[in-house]
PDB file of all heavy atoms in Angstrom:
ATOM      1  N   GLY A   1     -73.178 162.804-132.309  1.00  0.00           N
ATOM      2  CA  GLY A   1     -74.577 163.196-132.385  1.00  0.00           C
ATOM      3  C   GLY A   1     -74.936 163.610-133.761  1.00  0.00           C
ATOM      4  O   GLY A   1     -75.987 163.251-134.263  1.00  0.00           O
ATOM      5  N   CYS A   2     -74.097 164.345-134.456  1.00  0.00           N
ATOM      6  CA  CYS A   2     -74.398 164.740-135.832  1.00  0.00           C
ATOM      7  C   CYS A   2     -74.445 163.519-136.747  1.00  0.00           C
ATOM      8  O   CYS A   2     -75.319 163.398-137.595  1.00  0.00           O
ATOM      9  CB  CYS A   2     -73.322 165.746-136.308  1.00  0.00           C
ATOM     10  SG  CYS A   2     -73.479 167.375-135.523  1.00  0.00           S
ATOM     11  N   SER A   3     -73.476 162.642-136.519  1.00  0.00           N
ATOM     12  CA  SER A   3     -73.474 161.426-137.347  1.00  0.00           C
ATOM     13  C   SER A   3     -74.717 160.585-137.095  1.00  0.00           C
ATOM     14  O   SER A   3     -75.378 160.101-138.014  1.00  0.00           O
ATOM     15  CB  SER A   3     -72.222 160.583-137.052  1.00  0.00           C
ATOM     16  OG  SER A   3     -71.062 161.339-137.401  1.00  0.00           O
ATOM     17  N   GLY A   4     -75.072 160.410-135.826  1.00  0.00           N
ATOM     18  CA  GLY A   4     -76.281 159.650-135.516  1.00  0.00           C
ATOM     19  C   GLY A   4     -77.521 160.326-136.053  1.00  0.00           C
ATOM     20  O   GLY A   4     -78.430 159.705-136.595  1.00  0.00           O
ATOM     21  N   GLY A   5     -77.525 161.688-135.878  1.00  0.00           N
ATOM     22  CA  GLY A   5     -78.689 162.425-136.396  1.00  0.00           C
ATOM     23  C   GLY A   5     -78.780 162.340-137.889  1.00  0.00           C
ATOM     24  O   GLY A   5     -79.846 162.187-138.480  1.00  0.00           O
ATOM     25  N   ALA A   6     -77.592 162.464-138.532  1.00  0.00           N
ATOM     26  CA  ALA A   6     -77.595 162.373-139.992  1.00  0.00           C
ATOM     27  C   ALA A   6     -78.039 160.997-140.437  1.00  0.00           C
ATOM     28  O   ALA A   6     -78.797 160.832-141.366  1.00  0.00           O
ATOM     29  CB  ALA A   6     -76.190 162.684-140.531  1.00  0.00           C
ATOM     30  N   GLY A   7     -77.482 159.986-139.693  1.00  0.00           N
ATOM     31  CA  GLY A   7     -77.890 158.619-140.034  1.00  0.00           C
ATOM     32  C   GLY A   7     -79.376 158.438-139.829  1.00  0.00           C
ATOM     33  O   GLY A   7     -80.059 157.826-140.635  1.00  0.00           O
ATOM     34  N   PHE A   8     -79.925 158.943-138.773  1.00  0.00           N
ATOM     35  CA  PHE A   8     -81.367 158.819-138.521  1.00  0.00           C
ATOM     36  C   PHE A   8     -82.173 159.545-139.573  1.00  0.00           C
ATOM     37  O   PHE A   8     -83.169 159.074-140.082  1.00  0.00           O
ATOM     38  CB  PHE A   8     -81.671 159.374-137.109  1.00  0.00           C
ATOM     39  CG  PHE A   8     -83.127 159.336-136.788  1.00  0.00           C
ATOM     40  CD1 PHE A   8     -83.744 158.163-136.435  1.00  0.00           C
ATOM     41  CD2 PHE A   8     -83.889 160.504-136.877  1.00  0.00           C
ATOM     42  CE1 PHE A   8     -85.077 158.117-136.150  1.00  0.00           C
ATOM     43  CE2 PHE A   8     -85.227 160.474-136.580  1.00  0.00           C
ATOM     44  CZ  PHE A   8     -85.828 159.279-136.208  1.00  0.00           C
ATOM     45  N   GLY A   9     -81.633 160.774-139.888  1.00  0.00           N
ATOM     46  CA  GLY A   9     -82.347 161.546-140.920  1.00  0.00           C
ATOM     47  C   GLY A   9     -82.289 160.861-142.261  1.00  0.00           C
ATOM     48  O   GLY A   9     -83.255 160.817-143.004  1.00  0.00           O
ATOM     49  N   PHE A  10     -81.163 160.252-142.608  1.00  0.00           N
ATOM     50  CA  PHE A  10     -81.034 159.551-143.882  1.00  0.00           C
ATOM     51  C   PHE A  10     -81.941 158.326-143.924  1.00  0.00           C
ATOM     52  O   PHE A  10     -82.622 158.055-144.902  1.00  0.00           O
ATOM     53  CB  PHE A  10     -79.573 159.156-144.075  1.00  0.00           C
ATOM     54  CG  PHE A  10     -79.335 158.349-145.317  1.00  0.00           C
ATOM     55  CD1 PHE A  10     -79.328 158.937-146.570  1.00  0.00           C
ATOM     56  CD2 PHE A  10     -79.180 156.958-145.226  1.00  0.00           C
ATOM     57  CE1 PHE A  10     -79.140 158.177-147.699  1.00  0.00           C
ATOM     58  CE2 PHE A  10     -78.982 156.218-146.357  1.00  0.00           C
ATOM     59  CZ  PHE A  10     -78.954 156.818-147.604  1.00  0.00           C
ATOM     60  N   GLY A  11     -81.906 157.637-142.760  1.00  0.00           N
ATOM     61  CA  GLY A  11     -82.784 156.466-142.675  1.00  0.00           C
ATOM     62  C   GLY A  11     -84.242 156.848-142.818  1.00  0.00           C
ATOM     63  O   GLY A  11     -85.029 156.159-143.445  1.00  0.00           O
ATOM     64  N   ARG A  12     -84.600 157.955-142.198  1.00  0.00           N
ATOM     65  CA  ARG A  12     -85.987 158.389-142.302  1.00  0.00           C
ATOM     66  C   ARG A  12     -86.334 158.789-143.720  1.00  0.00           C
ATOM     67  O   ARG A  12     -87.424 158.523-144.227  1.00  0.00           O
ATOM     68  CB  ARG A  12     -86.209 159.556-141.327  1.00  0.00           C
ATOM     69  CG  ARG A  12     -87.653 160.068-141.309  1.00  0.00           C
ATOM     70  CD  ARG A  12     -87.832 161.084-140.174  1.00  0.00           C
ATOM     71  NE  ARG A  12     -86.911 162.199-140.383  1.00  0.00           N
ATOM     72  CZ  ARG A  12     -86.655 163.125-139.432  1.00  0.00           C
ATOM     73  NH1 ARG A  12     -87.226 163.024-138.232  1.00  0.00           N
ATOM     74  NH2 ARG A  12     -85.804 164.100-139.668  1.00  0.00           N
ATOM     75  N   THR A  13     -85.352 159.426-144.410  1.00  0.00           N
ATOM     76  CA  THR A  13     -85.601 159.807-145.803  1.00  0.00           C
ATOM     77  C   THR A  13     -85.774 158.583-146.686  1.00  0.00           C
ATOM     78  O   THR A  13     -86.683 158.498-147.509  1.00  0.00           O
ATOM     79  CB  THR A  13     -84.441 160.661-146.316  1.00  0.00           C
ATOM     80  OG1 THR A  13     -84.307 161.793-145.488  1.00  0.00           O
ATOM     81  CG2 THR A  13     -84.683 161.077-147.782  1.00  0.00           C
ATOM     82  N   VAL A  14     -84.864 157.594-146.461  1.00  0.00           N
ATOM     83  CA  VAL A  14     -84.972 156.367-147.247  1.00  0.00           C
ATOM     84  C   VAL A  14     -86.293 155.663-146.978  1.00  0.00           C
ATOM     85  O   VAL A  14     -86.985 155.185-147.869  1.00  0.00           O
ATOM     86  CB  VAL A  14     -83.780 155.442-146.931  1.00  0.00           C
ATOM     87  CG1 VAL A  14     -83.981 154.083-147.582  1.00  0.00           C
ATOM     88  CG2 VAL A  14     -82.482 156.073-147.408  1.00  0.00           C
ATOM     89  N   SER A  15     -86.684 155.631-145.688  1.00  0.00           N
ATOM     90  CA  SER A  15     -87.950 154.997-145.332  1.00  0.00           C
ATOM     91  C   SER A  15     -89.119 155.715-145.975  1.00  0.00           C
ATOM     92  O   SER A  15     -90.068 155.105-146.457  1.00  0.00           O
ATOM     93  CB  SER A  15     -88.094 154.979-143.803  1.00  0.00           C
ATOM     94  OG  SER A  15     -89.336 154.442-143.430  1.00  0.00           O
ATOM     95  N   SER A  16     -89.059 157.037-145.994  1.00  0.00           N
ATOM     96  CA  SER A  16     -90.141 157.818-146.622  1.00  0.00           C
ATOM     97  C   SER A  16     -90.201 157.535-148.115  1.00  0.00           C
ATOM     98  O   SER A  16     -91.275 157.389-148.701  1.00  0.00           O
ATOM     99  CB  SER A  16     -89.931 159.319-146.366  1.00  0.00           C
ATOM    100  OG  SER A  16     -89.940 159.565-144.972  1.00  0.00           O
ATOM    101  N   ASP A  17     -88.970 157.465-148.728  1.00  0.00           N
ATOM    102  CA  ASP A  17     -88.951 157.188-150.177  1.00  0.00           C
ATOM    103  C   ASP A  17     -89.521 155.810-150.487  1.00  0.00           C
ATOM    104  O   ASP A  17     -90.277 155.630-151.435  1.00  0.00           O
ATOM    105  CB  ASP A  17     -87.519 157.298-150.700  1.00  0.00           C
ATOM    106  CG  ASP A  17     -86.996 158.734-150.615  1.00  0.00           C
ATOM    107  OD1 ASP A  17     -87.852 159.656-150.541  1.00  0.00           O
ATOM    108  OD2 ASP A  17     -85.780 158.900-150.648  1.00  0.00           O
ATOM    109  N   LEU A  18     -89.168 154.801-149.689  1.00  0.00           N
ATOM    110  CA  LEU A  18     -89.691 153.452-149.911  1.00  0.00           C
ATOM    111  C   LEU A  18     -91.190 153.409-149.712  1.00  0.00           C
ATOM    112  O   LEU A  18     -91.922 152.738-150.439  1.00  0.00           O
ATOM    113  CB  LEU A  18     -89.006 152.468-148.950  1.00  0.00           C
ATOM    114  CG  LEU A  18     -87.529 152.173-149.259  1.00  0.00           C
ATOM    115  CD1 LEU A  18     -86.948 151.272-148.188  1.00  0.00           C
ATOM    116  CD2 LEU A  18     -87.376 151.538-150.625  1.00  0.00           C
ATOM    117  N   THR A  19     -91.655 154.122-148.693  1.00  0.00           N
ATOM    118  CA  THR A  19     -93.111 154.165-148.465  1.00  0.00           C
ATOM    119  C   THR A  19     -93.838 154.769-149.652  1.00  0.00           C
ATOM    120  O   THR A  19     -94.893 154.296-150.091  1.00  0.00           O
ATOM    121  CB  THR A  19     -93.421 154.980-147.202  1.00  0.00           C
ATOM    122  OG1 THR A  19     -92.749 154.373-146.107  1.00  0.00           O
ATOM    123  CG2 THR A  19     -94.913 155.011-146.920  1.00  0.00           C
ATOM    124  N   GLY A  20     -93.258 155.820-150.235  1.00  0.00           N
ATOM    125  CA  GLY A  20     -93.866 156.440-151.407  1.00  0.00           C
ATOM    126  C   GLY A  20     -93.886 155.506-152.601  1.00  0.00           C
ATOM    127  O   GLY A  20     -94.858 155.429-153.334  1.00  0.00           O
ATOM    128  N   VAL A  21     -92.742 154.755-152.765  1.00  0.00           N
ATOM    129  CA  VAL A  21     -92.683 153.806-153.874  1.00  0.00           C
ATOM    130  C   VAL A  21     -93.721 152.722-153.713  1.00  0.00           C
ATOM    131  O   VAL A  21     -94.422 152.330-154.643  1.00  0.00           O
ATOM    132  CB  VAL A  21     -91.264 153.195-153.958  1.00  0.00           C
ATOM    133  CG1 VAL A  21     -91.260 152.043-154.961  1.00  0.00           C
ATOM    134  CG2 VAL A  21     -90.261 154.250-154.378  1.00  0.00           C
ATOM    135  N   VAL A  22     -93.871 152.200-152.459  1.00  0.00           N
ATOM    136  CA  VAL A  22     -94.852 151.162-152.188  1.00  0.00           C
ATOM    137  C   VAL A  22     -96.253 151.676-152.440  1.00  0.00           C
ATOM    138  O   VAL A  22     -97.103 151.010-153.049  1.00  0.00           O
ATOM    139  CB  VAL A  22     -94.710 150.648-150.742  1.00  0.00           C
ATOM    140  CG1 VAL A  22     -95.876 149.722-150.403  1.00  0.00           C
ATOM    141  CG2 VAL A  22     -93.402 149.914-150.579  1.00  0.00           C
ATOM    142  N   GLN A  23     -96.517 152.916-151.937  1.00  0.00           N
ATOM    143  CA  GLN A  23     -97.844 153.490-152.165  1.00  0.00           C
ATOM    144  C   GLN A  23     -98.118 153.697-153.651  1.00  0.00           C
ATOM    145  O   GLN A  23     -99.215 153.413-154.159  1.00  0.00           O
ATOM    146  CB  GLN A  23     -97.970 154.824-151.425  1.00  0.00           C
ATOM    147  CG  GLN A  23     -98.000 154.666-149.910  1.00  0.00           C
ATOM    148  CD  GLN A  23     -98.047 156.009-149.205  1.00  0.00           C
ATOM    149  OE1 GLN A  23     -97.882 157.050-149.847  1.00  0.00           O
ATOM    150  NE2 GLN A  23     -98.270 155.982-147.891  1.00  0.00           N
ATOM    151  N   GLU A  24     -97.086 154.177-154.389  1.00  0.00           N
ATOM    152  CA  GLU A  24     -97.260 154.370-155.827  1.00  0.00           C
ATOM    153  C   GLU A  24     -97.498 153.044-156.534  1.00  0.00           C
ATOM    154  O   GLU A  24     -98.327 152.937-157.429  1.00  0.00           O
ATOM    155  CB  GLU A  24     -96.019 155.053-156.397  1.00  0.00           C
ATOM    156  CG  GLU A  24     -96.147 155.389-157.896  1.00  0.00           C
ATOM    157  CD  GLU A  24     -94.908 156.123-158.412  1.00  0.00           C
ATOM    158  OE1 GLU A  24     -94.003 156.404-157.620  1.00  0.00           O
ATOM    159  OE2 GLU A  24     -94.888 156.404-159.625  1.00  0.00           O
ATOM    160  N   SER A  25     -96.750 151.999-156.100  1.00  0.00           N
ATOM    161  CA  SER A  25     -96.945 150.678-156.684  1.00  0.00           C
ATOM    162  C   SER A  25     -98.348 150.163-156.421  1.00  0.00           C
ATOM    163  O   SER A  25     -98.987 149.582-157.294  1.00  0.00           O
ATOM    164  CB  SER A  25     -95.910 149.705-156.116  1.00  0.00           C
ATOM    165  OG  SER A  25     -96.131 148.406-156.602  1.00  0.00           O
TER     166      SER A  25
END
């Protein structure tokens, strides 16, 4: 569960970062 949660949280962070980059672009 921690690994899945961490993976989900990391994925969400990466997704948020990409969204910000796209919006900035």
